[in-house]
C-alpha atoms as a PDB file:
ATOM      1  CA  MET A   1      84.432-134.855 268.491  1.00  0.00           C
ATOM      2  CA  LEU A   2      87.501-132.758 267.853  1.00  0.00           C
ATOM      3  CA  ASP A   3      87.391-129.004 268.368  1.00  0.00           C
ATOM      4  CA  ALA A   4      87.804-127.412 264.907  1.00  0.00           C
ATOM      5  CA  SER A   5      90.610-125.212 266.226  1.00  0.00           C
ATOM      6  CA  ALA A   6      92.532-128.350 267.241  1.00  0.00           C
ATOM      7  CA  ASP A   7      91.785-130.189 264.010  1.00  0.00           C
ATOM      8  CA  PRO A   8      94.860-130.055 261.748  1.00  0.00           C
ATOM      9  CA  ILE A   9      92.698-130.304 258.604  1.00  0.00           C
ATOM     10  CA  ALA A  10      89.572-128.373 259.668  1.00  0.00           C
ATOM     11  CA  THR A  11      90.207-125.762 257.000  1.00  0.00           C
ATOM     12  CA  PRO A  12      92.088-127.559 254.234  1.00  0.00           C
ATOM     13  CA  ILE A  13      94.037-125.525 251.752  1.00  0.00           C
ATOM     14  CA  ALA A  14      92.867-125.569 248.170  1.00  0.00           C
ATOM     15  CA  VAL A  15      93.689-128.910 246.601  1.00  0.00           C
ATOM     16  CA  ARG A  16      96.571-128.735 244.179  1.00  0.00           C
ATOM     17  CA  PRO A  17      95.049-129.870 240.856  1.00  0.00           C
ATOM     18  CA  GLU A  18      98.343-131.513 239.909  1.00  0.00           C
ATOM     19  CA  ASP A  19      98.160-133.679 243.072  1.00  0.00           C
ATOM     20  CA  VAL A  20      94.909-135.366 242.056  1.00  0.00           C
ATOM     21  CA  ALA A  21      95.148-135.462 238.251  1.00  0.00           C
ATOM     22  CA  SER A  22      96.575-138.992 238.082  1.00  0.00           C
ATOM     23  CA  ILE A  23      97.290-142.006 240.238  1.00  0.00           C
ATOM     24  CA  ASP A  24     101.027-141.317 239.992  1.00  0.00           C
ATOM     25  CA  ALA A  25     100.476-137.747 241.172  1.00  0.00           C
ATOM     26  CA  ILE A  26      98.251-138.601 244.131  1.00  0.00           C
ATOM     27  CA  VAL A  27     100.581-141.354 245.376  1.00  0.00           C
ATOM     28  CA  ARG A  28     103.567-138.986 245.094  1.00  0.00           C
ATOM     29  CA  ALA A  29     101.567-136.337 246.983  1.00  0.00           C
ATOM     30  CA  VAL A  30     100.755-138.804 249.797  1.00  0.00           C
ATOM     31  CA  TYR A  31     104.449-139.526 250.324  1.00  0.00           C
ATOM     32  CA  GLU A  32     105.253-135.809 250.295  1.00  0.00           C
ATOM     33  CA  ALA A  33     102.395-134.995 252.718  1.00  0.00           C
ATOM     34  CA  VAL A  34     103.411-137.574 255.346  1.00  0.00           C
ATOM     35  CA  SER A  35     107.093-136.583 255.181  1.00  0.00           C
ATOM     36  CA  PHE A  36     108.330-133.627 257.229  1.00  0.00           C
ATOM     37  CA  THR A  37     111.340-131.777 258.599  1.00  0.00           C
ATOM     38  CA  GLU A  38     111.968-129.661 261.695  1.00  0.00           C
ATOM     39  CA  GLY A  39     109.407-131.562 263.777  1.00  0.00           C
ATOM     40  CA  ALA A  40     106.484-129.972 261.928  1.00  0.00           C
ATOM     41  CA  GLY A  41     104.620-133.212 261.357  1.00  0.00           C
ATOM     42  CA  PRO A  42     102.700-134.267 258.287  1.00  0.00           C
ATOM     43  CA  ASP A  43     100.957-131.735 256.053  1.00  0.00           C
ATOM     44  CA  GLY A  44      97.419-132.359 257.322  1.00  0.00           C
ATOM     45  CA  PRO A  45      95.605-129.986 254.954  1.00  0.00           C
ATOM     46  CA  ARG A  46      97.342-131.444 251.903  1.00  0.00           C
ATOM     47  CA  LEU A  47      96.732-135.039 253.017  1.00  0.00           C
ATOM     48  CA  GLY A  48      93.113-134.210 253.806  1.00  0.00           C
ATOM     49  CA  GLY A  49      92.653-132.693 250.354  1.00  0.00           C
ATOM     50  CA  LEU A  50      93.794-135.934 248.735  1.00  0.00           C
ATOM     51  CA  CYS A  51      91.267-138.013 250.644  1.00  0.00           C
ATOM     52  CA  GLY A  52      87.525-138.391 250.404  1.00  0.00           C
ATOM     53  CA  PRO A  53      85.489-137.011 253.325  1.00  0.00           C
ATOM     54  CA  HIS A  54      85.140-140.438 254.963  1.00  0.00           C
ATOM     55  CA  ALA A  55      88.625-141.759 254.192  1.00  0.00           C
ATOM     56  CA  ARG A  56      90.216-144.131 256.691  1.00  0.00           C
ATOM     57  CA  LEU A  57      93.893-144.680 257.397  1.00  0.00           C
ATOM     58  CA  SER A  58      94.587-147.998 259.085  1.00  0.00           C
ATOM     59  CA  LYS A  59      97.867-149.349 260.391  1.00  0.00           C
ATOM     60  CA  VAL A  60      97.964-153.123 260.738  1.00  0.00           C
ATOM     61  CA  HIS A  61     100.091-154.465 263.599  1.00  0.00           C
ATOM     62  CA  ALA A  62     100.928-158.086 264.370  1.00  0.00           C
ATOM     63  CA  ASP A  63      98.291-158.011 267.118  1.00  0.00           C
ATOM     64  CA  GLY A  64      95.595-155.725 265.709  1.00  0.00           C
ATOM     65  CA  ILE A  65      94.692-152.636 263.729  1.00  0.00           C
ATOM     66  CA  GLU A  66      94.810-148.921 264.443  1.00  0.00           C
ATOM     67  CA  ASP A  67      92.029-147.253 262.406  1.00  0.00           C
ATOM     68  CA  MET A  68      92.041-143.449 262.009  1.00  0.00           C
ATOM     69  CA  SER A  69      90.596-140.497 260.152  1.00  0.00           C
ATOM     70  CA  VAL A  70      93.111-138.171 258.487  1.00  0.00           C
ATOM     71  CA  ALA A  71      92.886-135.771 261.452  1.00  0.00           C
ATOM     72  CA  GLU A  72      93.477-138.618 263.921  1.00  0.00           C
ATOM     73  CA  PHE A  73      96.491-139.785 261.889  1.00  0.00           C
ATOM     74  CA  VAL A  74      98.037-136.300 261.934  1.00  0.00           C
ATOM     75  CA  ALA A  75      97.421-136.003 265.690  1.00  0.00           C
ATOM     76  CA  ARG A  76      98.977-139.474 266.231  1.00  0.00           C
ATOM     77  CA  VAL A  77     102.160-138.444 264.392  1.00  0.00           C
ATOM     78  CA  ARG A  78     102.344-135.142 266.282  1.00  0.00           C
ATOM     79  CA  ARG A  79     102.112-137.071 269.574  1.00  0.00           C
ATOM     80  CA  ARG A  80     104.949-139.307 268.400  1.00  0.00           C
ATOM     81  CA  ILE A  81     107.054-136.243 267.574  1.00  0.00           C
ATOM     82  CA  ALA A  82     106.480-134.844 271.066  1.00  0.00           C
ATOM     83  CA  GLU A  83     107.147-138.171 272.815  1.00  0.00           C
ATOM     84  CA  THR A  84     110.248-139.218 270.851  1.00  0.00           C
ATOM     85  CA  ASP A  85     111.725-135.912 269.693  1.00  0.00           C
ATOM     86  CA  LEU A  86     111.581-137.139 266.087  1.00  0.00           C
ATOM     87  CA  ARG A  87     112.643-134.061 264.111  1.00  0.00           C
ATOM     88  CA  SER A  88     112.308-135.251 260.539  1.00  0.00           C
ATOM     89  CA  PHE A  89     110.696-138.139 258.739  1.00  0.00           C
ATOM     90  CA  VAL A  90     110.918-138.988 255.056  1.00  0.00           C
ATOM     91  CA  GLU A  91     108.905-141.773 253.515  1.00  0.00           C
ATOM     92  CA  ARG A  92     109.710-142.727 249.947  1.00  0.00           C
ATOM     93  CA  GLU A  93     108.340-145.220 247.498  1.00  0.00           C
ATOM     94  CA  LEU A  94     110.490-148.208 246.524  1.00  0.00           C
ATOM     95  CA  PHE A  95     108.100-150.148 244.288  1.00  0.00           C
ATOM     96  CA  ARG A  96     104.491-149.994 243.090  1.00  0.00           C
ATOM     97  CA  ARG A  97     101.881-152.279 241.597  1.00  0.00           C
ATOM     98  CA  THR A  98      98.646-150.644 240.363  1.00  0.00           C
ATOM     99  CA  GLU A  99      95.352-152.157 239.222  1.00  0.00           C
ATOM    100  CA  VAL A 100      92.616-150.000 237.641  1.00  0.00           C
ATOM    101  CA  PHE A 101      89.071-150.762 236.503  1.00  0.00           C
ATOM    102  CA  SER A 102      86.150-148.466 235.695  1.00  0.00           C
ATOM    103  CA  GLY A 103      87.087-145.523 237.907  1.00  0.00           C
ATOM    104  CA  ILE A 104      88.489-147.509 240.839  1.00  0.00           C
ATOM    105  CA  ALA A 105      92.113-148.270 241.568  1.00  0.00           C
ATOM    106  CA  HIS A 106      94.183-150.277 244.005  1.00  0.00           C
ATOM    107  CA  VAL A 107      97.826-149.360 244.557  1.00  0.00           C
ATOM    108  CA  PHE A 108     100.232-151.616 246.446  1.00  0.00           C
ATOM    109  CA  THR A 109     103.215-149.366 247.161  1.00  0.00           C
ATOM    110  CA  THR A 110     106.307-150.457 249.064  1.00  0.00           C
ATOM    111  CA  TYR A 111     107.959-147.752 251.160  1.00  0.00           C
ATOM    112  CA  GLU A 112     110.939-147.047 253.326  1.00  0.00           C
ATOM    113  CA  SER A 113     110.880-144.523 256.149  1.00  0.00           C
ATOM    114  CA  ARG A 114     113.980-142.635 257.234  1.00  0.00           C
ATOM    115  CA  THR A 115     114.902-139.947 259.742  1.00  0.00           C
ATOM    116  CA  GLY A 116     115.728-137.582 256.879  1.00  0.00           C
ATOM    117  CA  ALA A 117     116.579-137.297 253.225  1.00  0.00           C
ATOM    118  CA  GLY A 118     119.564-139.128 251.789  1.00  0.00           C
ATOM    119  CA  ASP A 119     121.246-142.438 252.432  1.00  0.00           C
ATOM    120  CA  ALA A 120     123.081-141.086 255.489  1.00  0.00           C
ATOM    121  CA  SER A 121     119.795-140.854 257.386  1.00  0.00           C
ATOM    122  CA  GLU A 122     118.704-143.696 259.638  1.00  0.00           C
ATOM    123  CA  LEU A 123     116.371-146.308 258.161  1.00  0.00           C
ATOM    124  CA  LEU A 124     113.405-146.584 260.518  1.00  0.00           C
ATOM    125  CA  TYR A 125     111.402-149.277 258.738  1.00  0.00           C
ATOM    126  CA  ARG A 126     109.991-150.515 255.451  1.00  0.00           C
ATOM    127  CA  GLY A 127     106.496-151.685 254.656  1.00  0.00           C
ATOM    128  CA  ILE A 128     103.631-151.739 252.196  1.00  0.00           C
ATOM    129  CA  ASN A 129     100.773-149.263 251.725  1.00  0.00           C
ATOM    130  CA  SER A 130      97.561-150.563 250.176  1.00  0.00           C
ATOM    131  CA  ILE A 131      95.740-147.524 248.761  1.00  0.00           C
ATOM    132  CA  GLN A 132      92.210-147.657 247.364  1.00  0.00           C
ATOM    133  CA  LEU A 133      91.084-144.799 245.138  1.00  0.00           C
ATOM    134  CA  ARG A 134      88.162-143.703 242.995  1.00  0.00           C
ATOM    135  CA  HIS A 135      87.880-141.278 240.123  1.00  0.00           C
ATOM    136  CA  ASP A 136      84.718-139.154 240.117  1.00  0.00           C
ATOM    137  CA  GLY A 137      85.109-137.924 236.537  1.00  0.00           C
ATOM    138  CA  ARG A 138      87.145-134.894 237.628  1.00  0.00           C
ATOM    139  CA  ARG A 139      89.862-136.183 239.956  1.00  0.00           C
ATOM    140  CA  TRP A 140      91.190-139.108 241.991  1.00  0.00           C
ATOM    141  CA  TRP A 141      90.182-139.482 245.652  1.00  0.00           C
ATOM    142  CA  ILE A 142      91.818-141.697 248.259  1.00  0.00           C
ATOM    143  CA  LEU A 143      89.213-143.787 250.066  1.00  0.00           C
ATOM    144  CA  THR A 144      91.504-145.868 252.288  1.00  0.00           C
ATOM    145  CA  ILE A 145      95.156-146.344 253.079  1.00  0.00           C
ATOM    146  CA  LEU A 146      95.918-149.608 254.840  1.00  0.00           C
ATOM    147  CA  TRP A 147      99.552-150.248 255.742  1.00  0.00           C
ATOM    148  CA  THR A 148     101.852-152.494 257.676  1.00  0.00           C
ATOM    149  CA  ASP A 149     105.534-152.353 258.456  1.00  0.00           C
ATOM    150  CA  GLU A 150     107.907-155.166 257.642  1.00  0.00           C
ATOM    151  CA  ARG A 151     108.736-157.379 260.633  1.00  0.00           C
ATOM    152  CA  GLU A 152     111.350-160.043 261.184  1.00  0.00           C
ATOM    153  CA  ASP A 153     108.632-162.702 261.000  1.00  0.00           C
ATOM    154  CA  SER A 154     107.001-161.008 257.989  1.00  0.00           C
ATOM    155  CA  PRO A 155     109.561-159.692 255.471  1.00  0.00           C
ATOM    156  CA  ILE A 156     108.433-157.886 252.339  1.00  0.00           C
ATOM    157  CA  PRO A 157     108.143-160.447 249.517  1.00  0.00           C
ATOM    158  CA  ALA A 158     110.652-160.026 246.679  1.00  0.00           C
ATOM    159  CA  ALA A 159     107.739-159.421 244.278  1.00  0.00           C
ATOM    160  CA  TYR A 160     107.113-156.074 246.039  1.00  0.00           C
ATOM    161  CA  LEU A 161     110.691-154.832 246.044  1.00  0.00           C
ATOM    162  CA  PRO A 162     112.787-153.314 243.265  1.00  0.00           C
ATOM    163  CA  ARG A 163     114.655-156.061 241.432  1.00  0.00           C
ATOM    164  CA  ASN A 164     118.040-154.935 242.755  1.00  0.00           C
ATOM    165  CA  SER A 165     117.060-154.919 246.454  1.00  0.00           C
ATOM    166  CA  ALA A 166     115.383-158.317 247.000  1.00  0.00           C
END
């Protein structure tokens, strides 16, 4: 168990109502929360406030899966910053497909990750996030984020890219 003082989301900040009012807002907030500058790492309290208490974040690799809580995800990124001297990271949405039924939603959102803002920054990778959400009558909650990066042997299908970039 993590020591609360070491847990980057042990005392989450108040959730921004505008972050959880709609699916568009919560997806935008996820991208903002995982992006960072000056080596600070992701905004753990904000990301934690978007997610349900038992939310899981799972990265799928060619040879397995890395399953994490929000706190474990933030710690993983902070380790990467320390090991690679990554100073900034900006993830932005390229395309989205959303399905909604009776208070549940599934969002397939294609992303690109760069070393900073703007086209002059280095493209690190692209991939797809699969986000499952529920609405409790007051707000949207993220239950899971499952993602995988594009690989040479597994390119992103044209159906999940903007029409002008396929």
